Amino acid sequence: MATSSTPPIPPTATPTPVPPPPARPPRRSFKSWLVGSLLGALLLIGLYTAFMLWWSYSEGDRAGVLQKFSTRGWICKTHEGELAMYVVGGVAPQIWSFSVRDEAVVQQLNAAVGKQVRLHYTEHRGLPTDCFGETDYFIRGVEVIGDPPFMRPQVAPEAYAPAPSAPQPSTPPAAAPPAGGTAPSQ
């Protein structure tokens, strides 16, 4: 008979166990991916808004008559105003709209409606919402100059009277030529 070439297994030896395959990492659900994406987008929008409010595109001053100042808005109440800037007398003024975020400036502007003012402003372009103001121009300081030009007292009309002129010699006026166009002969 033929003998097998493999040695017999001793009764005390046990075979080594095969390790299980590595476990797959758990998949993220669509819900957790969606929540993470929304939170990331809100964080980016918040950082963008904070940067745009901090950084100003331009700064300057404008002067004119403060003709309107009000608080308006359906959800976000903002303080808005209009400044009438006169270029030339007798010409319709150019209207400049602005917004205010500082409560101390709001009180100053409420007291200055109808007066001539100089407004110090900063311009913040690209804000993602109108909850900060309806315009890009935000007032940061107010300087009341006085009453508007049309309300100032006028100079008395006597100041505009012409100075008396030298008396004219009394000579008779020359005869006018007749309607025919020729002068009379003498």
C-alpha atoms as a PDB file:
ATOM      1  CA  MET A   1       0.000   0.000   0.000  1.00  0.00           C
ATOM      2  CA  ALA A   2       0.983   3.517  -0.576  1.00  0.00           C
ATOM      3  CA  THR A   3       1.760   5.764   2.299  1.00  0.00           C
ATOM      4  CA  SER A   4       0.975   9.400   2.358  1.00  0.00           C
ATOM      5  CA  SER A   5       3.810  11.861   2.367  1.00  0.00           C
ATOM      6  CA  THR A   6       2.273  14.300   4.855  1.00  0.00           C
ATOM      7  CA  PRO A   7       2.986  13.690   8.462  1.00  0.00           C
ATOM      8  CA  PRO A   8       0.050  12.964  10.658  1.00  0.00           C
ATOM      9  CA  ILE A   9      -1.245  15.827  12.789  1.00  0.00           C
ATOM     10  CA  PRO A  10      -0.539  15.343  16.411  1.00  0.00           C
ATOM     11  CA  PRO A  11      -3.682  15.303  18.507  1.00  0.00           C
ATOM     12  CA  THR A  12      -2.548  18.223  20.744  1.00  0.00           C
ATOM     13  CA  ALA A  13      -1.869  20.824  17.986  1.00  0.00           C
ATOM     14  CA  THR A  14      -4.719  23.127  16.872  1.00  0.00           C
ATOM     15  CA  PRO A  15      -4.765  25.031  13.605  1.00  0.00           C
ATOM     16  CA  THR A  16      -4.135  28.829  13.771  1.00  0.00           C
ATOM     17  CA  PRO A  17      -7.265  30.926  13.267  1.00  0.00           C
ATOM     18  CA  VAL A  18      -7.487  33.105  10.155  1.00  0.00           C
ATOM     19  CA  PRO A  19      -7.881  36.841  11.038  1.00  0.00           C
ATOM     20  CA  PRO A  20     -11.188  38.403   9.900  1.00  0.00           C
ATOM     21  CA  PRO A  21     -11.001  40.902   7.010  1.00  0.00           C
ATOM     22  CA  PRO A  22     -10.462  44.549   8.130  1.00  0.00           C
ATOM     23  CA  ALA A  23     -13.728  46.296   8.961  1.00  0.00           C
ATOM     24  CA  ARG A  24     -14.844  49.004   6.544  1.00  0.00           C
ATOM     25  CA  PRO A  25     -15.097  52.462   8.107  1.00  0.00           C
ATOM     26  CA  PRO A  26     -18.723  53.435   8.611  1.00  0.00           C
ATOM     27  CA  ARG A  27     -20.139  55.519   5.768  1.00  0.00           C
ATOM     28  CA  ARG A  28     -21.357  59.000   6.566  1.00  0.00           C
ATOM     29  CA  SER A  29     -25.018  59.341   5.981  1.00  0.00           C
ATOM     30  CA  PHE A  30     -26.412  61.889   3.558  1.00  0.00           C
ATOM     31  CA  LYS A  31     -27.999  63.710   6.474  1.00  0.00           C
ATOM     32  CA  SER A  32     -24.684  64.278   8.262  1.00  0.00           C
ATOM     33  CA  TRP A  33     -23.055  65.372   4.980  1.00  0.00           C
ATOM     34  CA  LEU A  34     -25.874  67.870   4.362  1.00  0.00           C
ATOM     35  CA  VAL A  35     -25.700  69.306   7.892  1.00  0.00           C
ATOM     36  CA  GLY A  36     -21.908  69.648   7.661  1.00  0.00           C
ATOM     37  CA  SER A  37     -22.150  71.393   4.286  1.00  0.00           C
ATOM     38  CA  LEU A  38     -24.781  73.849   5.544  1.00  0.00           C
ATOM     39  CA  LEU A  39     -22.766  74.685   8.660  1.00  0.00           C
ATOM     40  CA  GLY A  40     -19.660  75.229   6.533  1.00  0.00           C
ATOM     41  CA  ALA A  41     -21.558  77.520   4.137  1.00  0.00           C
ATOM     42  CA  LEU A  42     -23.022  79.542   7.048  1.00  0.00           C
ATOM     43  CA  LEU A  43     -19.561  79.898   8.566  1.00  0.00           C
ATOM     44  CA  LEU A  44     -18.130  81.171   5.254  1.00  0.00           C
ATOM     45  CA  ILE A  45     -21.000  83.654   4.801  1.00  0.00           C
ATOM     46  CA  GLY A  46     -20.538  84.888   8.377  1.00  0.00           C
ATOM     47  CA  LEU A  47     -16.801  85.406   7.871  1.00  0.00           C
ATOM     48  CA  TYR A  48     -17.425  87.191   4.550  1.00  0.00           C
ATOM     49  CA  THR A  49     -20.028  89.502   6.142  1.00  0.00           C
ATOM     50  CA  ALA A  50     -17.768  90.325   9.089  1.00  0.00           C
ATOM     51  CA  PHE A  51     -14.916  91.171   6.707  1.00  0.00           C
ATOM     52  CA  MET A  52     -17.121  93.381   4.506  1.00  0.00           C
ATOM     53  CA  LEU A  53     -18.396  95.295   7.552  1.00  0.00           C
ATOM     54  CA  TRP A  54     -14.853  95.770   8.864  1.00  0.00           C
ATOM     55  CA  TRP A  55     -13.225  96.789   5.553  1.00  0.00           C
ATOM     56  CA  SER A  56     -14.485  99.983   3.888  1.00  0.00           C
ATOM     57  CA  TYR A  57     -14.340 100.547   0.149  1.00  0.00           C
ATOM     58  CA  SER A  58     -14.218 104.332   0.529  1.00  0.00           C
ATOM     59  CA  GLU A  59     -14.552 107.082   3.130  1.00  0.00           C
ATOM     60  CA  GLY A  60     -15.509 110.720   2.768  1.00  0.00           C
ATOM     61  CA  ASP A  61     -17.772 113.662   3.582  1.00  0.00           C
ATOM     62  CA  ARG A  62     -20.909 114.994   1.923  1.00  0.00           C
ATOM     63  CA  ALA A  63     -22.734 118.232   2.692  1.00  0.00           C
ATOM     64  CA  GLY A  64     -26.255 119.382   2.001  1.00  0.00           C
ATOM     65  CA  VAL A  65     -29.668 119.709   3.582  1.00  0.00           C
ATOM     66  CA  LEU A  66     -30.918 116.689   5.533  1.00  0.00           C
ATOM     67  CA  GLN A  67     -34.384 116.368   4.064  1.00  0.00           C
ATOM     68  CA  LYS A  68     -35.485 112.909   5.241  1.00  0.00           C
ATOM     69  CA  PHE A  69     -34.573 110.486   8.014  1.00  0.00           C
ATOM     70  CA  SER A  70     -36.641 107.438   8.934  1.00  0.00           C
ATOM     71  CA  THR A  71     -36.637 103.906  10.313  1.00  0.00           C
ATOM     72  CA  ARG A  72     -38.012 101.324   7.897  1.00  0.00           C
ATOM     73  CA  GLY A  73     -38.085  97.656   6.972  1.00  0.00           C
ATOM     74  CA  TRP A  74     -40.373  94.632   7.319  1.00  0.00           C
ATOM     75  CA  ILE A  75     -38.104  92.326   9.286  1.00  0.00           C
ATOM     76  CA  CYS A  76     -34.841  94.199   9.755  1.00  0.00           C
ATOM     77  CA  LYS A  77     -35.528  97.764  10.893  1.00  0.00           C
ATOM     78  CA  THR A  78     -32.840 100.068   9.494  1.00  0.00           C
ATOM     79  CA  HIS A  79     -32.280 103.829   9.743  1.00  0.00           C
ATOM     80  CA  GLU A  80     -32.276 105.464   6.288  1.00  0.00           C
ATOM     81  CA  GLY A  81     -31.970 109.076   5.195  1.00  0.00           C
ATOM     82  CA  GLU A  82     -31.687 111.420   2.237  1.00  0.00           C
ATOM     83  CA  LEU A  83     -29.376 114.386   1.805  1.00  0.00           C
ATOM     84  CA  ALA A  84     -30.235 117.068  -0.781  1.00  0.00           C
ATOM     85  CA  MET A  85     -26.947 118.292  -2.240  1.00  0.00           C
ATOM     86  CA  TYR A  86     -27.219 121.642  -4.028  1.00  0.00           C
ATOM     87  CA  VAL A  87     -24.848 122.236  -6.903  1.00  0.00           C
ATOM     88  CA  VAL A  88     -26.256 125.478  -8.326  1.00  0.00           C
ATOM     89  CA  GLY A  89     -29.075 127.656  -7.042  1.00  0.00           C
ATOM     90  CA  GLY A  90     -32.319 127.261  -8.966  1.00  0.00           C
ATOM     91  CA  VAL A  91     -31.457 123.722 -10.067  1.00  0.00           C
ATOM     92  CA  ALA A  92     -33.039 120.604  -8.600  1.00  0.00           C
ATOM     93  CA  PRO A  93     -30.781 119.128  -5.910  1.00  0.00           C
ATOM     94  CA  GLN A  94     -29.068 115.777  -6.252  1.00  0.00           C
ATOM     95  CA  ILE A  95     -30.471 113.334  -3.673  1.00  0.00           C
ATOM     96  CA  TRP A  96     -27.985 111.082  -1.859  1.00  0.00           C
ATOM     97  CA  SER A  97     -29.343 108.153   0.175  1.00  0.00           C
ATOM     98  CA  PHE A  98     -27.528 106.735   3.197  1.00  0.00           C
ATOM     99  CA  SER A  99     -27.904 104.300   6.107  1.00  0.00           C
ATOM    100  CA  VAL A 100     -27.000 104.570   9.805  1.00  0.00           C
ATOM    101  CA  ARG A 101     -26.059 101.771  12.235  1.00  0.00           C
ATOM    102  CA  ASP A 102     -24.877 103.796  15.270  1.00  0.00           C
ATOM    103  CA  GLU A 103     -27.608 104.867  17.744  1.00  0.00           C
ATOM    104  CA  ALA A 104     -25.719 108.027  18.817  1.00  0.00           C
ATOM    105  CA  VAL A 105     -25.614 109.189  15.189  1.00  0.00           C
ATOM    106  CA  VAL A 106     -29.328 108.354  14.818  1.00  0.00           C
ATOM    107  CA  GLN A 107     -30.149 110.784  17.663  1.00  0.00           C
ATOM    108  CA  GLN A 108     -28.021 113.537  16.080  1.00  0.00           C
ATOM    109  CA  LEU A 109     -29.672 113.083  12.689  1.00  0.00           C
ATOM    110  CA  ASN A 110     -33.186 113.125  14.156  1.00  0.00           C
ATOM    111  CA  ALA A 111     -32.390 116.533  15.685  1.00  0.00           C
ATOM    112  CA  ALA A 112     -30.855 117.854  12.434  1.00  0.00           C
ATOM    113  CA  VAL A 113     -33.682 117.132   9.956  1.00  0.00           C
ATOM    114  CA  GLY A 114     -34.206 120.228   7.801  1.00  0.00           C
ATOM    115  CA  LYS A 115     -30.787 121.712   8.571  1.00  0.00           C
ATOM    116  CA  GLN A 116     -27.616 121.971   6.557  1.00  0.00           C
ATOM    117  CA  VAL A 117     -25.204 119.219   7.665  1.00  0.00           C
ATOM    118  CA  ARG A 118     -21.879 117.621   6.781  1.00  0.00           C
ATOM    119  CA  LEU A 119     -21.971 113.808   6.975  1.00  0.00           C
ATOM    120  CA  HIS A 120     -18.880 111.654   7.440  1.00  0.00           C
ATOM    121  CA  TYR A 121     -19.427 108.257   5.821  1.00  0.00           C
ATOM    122  CA  THR A 122     -17.835 104.940   4.907  1.00  0.00           C
ATOM    123  CA  GLU A 123     -18.865 102.829   1.923  1.00  0.00           C
ATOM    124  CA  HIS A 124     -19.207  99.058   2.366  1.00  0.00           C
ATOM    125  CA  ARG A 125     -19.943  97.302  -0.923  1.00  0.00           C
ATOM    126  CA  GLY A 126     -21.040  93.704  -1.332  1.00  0.00           C
ATOM    127  CA  LEU A 127     -22.957  93.106   1.902  1.00  0.00           C
ATOM    128  CA  PRO A 128     -25.055  89.950   1.489  1.00  0.00           C
ATOM    129  CA  THR A 129     -28.225  91.338   3.115  1.00  0.00           C
ATOM    130  CA  ASP A 130     -30.157  94.585   3.602  1.00  0.00           C
ATOM    131  CA  CYS A 131     -30.420  93.993   7.363  1.00  0.00           C
ATOM    132  CA  PHE A 132     -27.433  96.307   7.914  1.00  0.00           C
ATOM    133  CA  GLY A 133     -28.823  99.078   5.693  1.00  0.00           C
ATOM    134  CA  GLU A 134     -30.477  99.521   2.325  1.00  0.00           C
ATOM    135  CA  THR A 135     -27.539 101.472   0.881  1.00  0.00           C
ATOM    136  CA  ASP A 136     -23.793 100.958   0.738  1.00  0.00           C
ATOM    137  CA  TYR A 137     -23.120 104.270   2.549  1.00  0.00           C
ATOM    138  CA  PHE A 138     -23.017 104.220   6.371  1.00  0.00           C
ATOM    139  CA  ILE A 139     -22.847 107.479   8.338  1.00  0.00           C
ATOM    140  CA  ARG A 140     -20.323 107.546  11.171  1.00  0.00           C
ATOM    141  CA  GLY A 141     -20.432 111.239  12.124  1.00  0.00           C
ATOM    142  CA  VAL A 142     -22.634 114.336  11.790  1.00  0.00           C
ATOM    143  CA  GLU A 143     -21.685 118.005  11.842  1.00  0.00           C
ATOM    144  CA  VAL A 144     -24.546 120.531  11.820  1.00  0.00           C
ATOM    145  CA  ILE A 145     -23.545 123.586   9.782  1.00  0.00           C
ATOM    146  CA  GLY A 146     -26.700 125.641  10.297  1.00  0.00           C
ATOM    147  CA  ASP A 147     -29.980 126.507   8.645  1.00  0.00           C
ATOM    148  CA  PRO A 148     -30.326 125.783   4.939  1.00  0.00           C
ATOM    149  CA  PRO A 149     -29.497 128.664   2.549  1.00  0.00           C
ATOM    150  CA  PHE A 150     -33.152 129.427   1.774  1.00  0.00           C
ATOM    151  CA  MET A 151     -33.897 129.880   5.507  1.00  0.00           C
ATOM    152  CA  ARG A 152     -31.096 132.353   6.240  1.00  0.00           C
ATOM    153  CA  PRO A 153     -32.054 136.023   6.713  1.00  0.00           C
ATOM    154  CA  GLN A 154     -31.764 138.061   3.548  1.00  0.00           C
ATOM    155  CA  VAL A 155     -29.945 141.388   3.158  1.00  0.00           C
ATOM    156  CA  ALA A 156     -32.259 144.422   3.143  1.00  0.00           C
ATOM    157  CA  PRO A 157     -33.336 145.536  -0.342  1.00  0.00           C
ATOM    158  CA  GLU A 158     -31.878 149.037   0.267  1.00  0.00           C
ATOM    159  CA  ALA A 159     -28.423 147.523   0.013  1.00  0.00           C
ATOM    160  CA  TYR A 160     -29.136 146.616  -3.604  1.00  0.00           C
ATOM    161  CA  ALA A 161     -30.353 150.148  -4.672  1.00  0.00           C
ATOM    162  CA  PRO A 162     -28.139 151.725  -7.343  1.00  0.00           C
ATOM    163  CA  ALA A 163     -25.937 154.618  -6.306  1.00  0.00           C
ATOM    164  CA  PRO A 164     -27.211 158.062  -7.386  1.00  0.00           C
ATOM    165  CA  SER A 165     -25.643 159.139 -10.649  1.00  0.00           C
ATOM    166  CA  ALA A 166     -24.431 162.591 -11.684  1.00  0.00           C
ATOM    167  CA  PRO A 167     -27.187 164.955 -12.915  1.00  0.00           C
ATOM    168  CA  GLN A 168     -27.701 164.948 -16.672  1.00  0.00           C
ATOM    169  CA  PRO A 169     -27.538 168.284 -18.576  1.00  0.00           C
ATOM    170  CA  SER A 170     -30.955 169.402 -19.734  1.00  0.00           C
ATOM    171  CA  THR A 171     -30.676 169.553 -23.483  1.00  0.00           C
ATOM    172  CA  PRO A 172     -33.614 169.138 -25.746  1.00  0.00           C
ATOM    173  CA  PRO A 173     -33.699 165.836 -27.488  1.00  0.00           C
ATOM    174  CA  ALA A 174     -32.844 165.810 -31.166  1.00  0.00           C
ATOM    175  CA  ALA A 175     -35.732 165.573 -33.553  1.00  0.00           C
ATOM    176  CA  ALA A 176     -36.356 162.110 -34.772  1.00  0.00           C
ATOM    177  CA  PRO A 177     -36.233 161.488 -38.510  1.00  0.00           C
ATOM    178  CA  PRO A 178     -39.615 161.246 -40.237  1.00  0.00           C
ATOM    179  CA  ALA A 179     -41.060 157.894 -41.098  1.00  0.00           C
ATOM    180  CA  GLY A 180     -39.831 158.245 -44.689  1.00  0.00           C
ATOM    181  CA  GLY A 181     -36.257 157.602 -43.631  1.00  0.00           C
ATOM    182  CA  THR A 182     -34.630 160.938 -44.685  1.00  0.00           C
ATOM    183  CA  ALA A 183     -33.505 163.661 -42.331  1.00  0.00           C
ATOM    184  CA  PRO A 184     -35.008 167.178 -42.701  1.00  0.00           C
ATOM    185  CA  SER A 185     -32.806 169.657 -44.488  1.00  0.00           C
ATOM    186  CA  GLN A 186     -31.993 173.024 -42.969  1.00  0.00           C
END
